[in-house]
Amino acid sequence: MQNYVTLILVVIMIGGFAFIGVIATTTLALPLDFLDNTYVFGPITGLTQDNNGTIDWVLAGVWRASLPNATDASSNTNSSSFNAAIEMIRPDGTGRHTHTVTDFTLLNSSQSDTNSTFYNGTSTVSLAKGPALDIPTSVTLSNKSIISIWLDPESVDHHFGDSHTIFGIVASPEFDKSIQNSPLHNGAGNNTLDH
């Protein structure tokens, strides 16, 4: 059990470092509206295991969302978005590949007594055979700090495991401010890409 806890902590740290590395090396590729406070975003981490409990894949990536407040009945679900890039690699460093989750269509949302908001819908998931369309997808936001992503296992040929949940962290306002104050983003509406 202690080995699993240690491994999970290592994966979370690697995911966090990978996210920071992605931001540090690809910030110029960010869309101009990425930091306009319309979206929340953060790193992704996870593991998949075989039937014996052996780790098959280590997952890392980034996600970005603009989802309505579940308590606001007037929220426009047409403007909802959720996108993710999930990199998978075997524990021995082989088999590295990337999947994307795009075209999220929100079907319904609800809020629990435990300060969690559930967003259910469908999305497109890129797979080796091509894009898988209309995949049942659930995104849960807990305490405005953690997200979990569930992709219907049967719809994606169990590629992410049988009941696999992918976890993400909501980037803190301090992290957001550090990006906004970076040399690559120099104020409201002024991005170095504009010059």
Foldseek 3Di string as FASTA:
>chain_A
DVVVVVVVVVQVVVQQVVFVVCCVPPVVVDPLCQLVPQKWKFKKWFFAADPVRHTAKTKIWMKMWRQDDQVDPPDDQVPTWIKIKIWIAGPVGPDTDIKMWGDWRWDHWDADPQQKIKTWTFTWMADPVGIQGRWTWMWMQGPVFKIKIFTCCVSRVCPCHHGDIMMTTTDDVVNSVVSCVDPQHPDDSDGPVVD
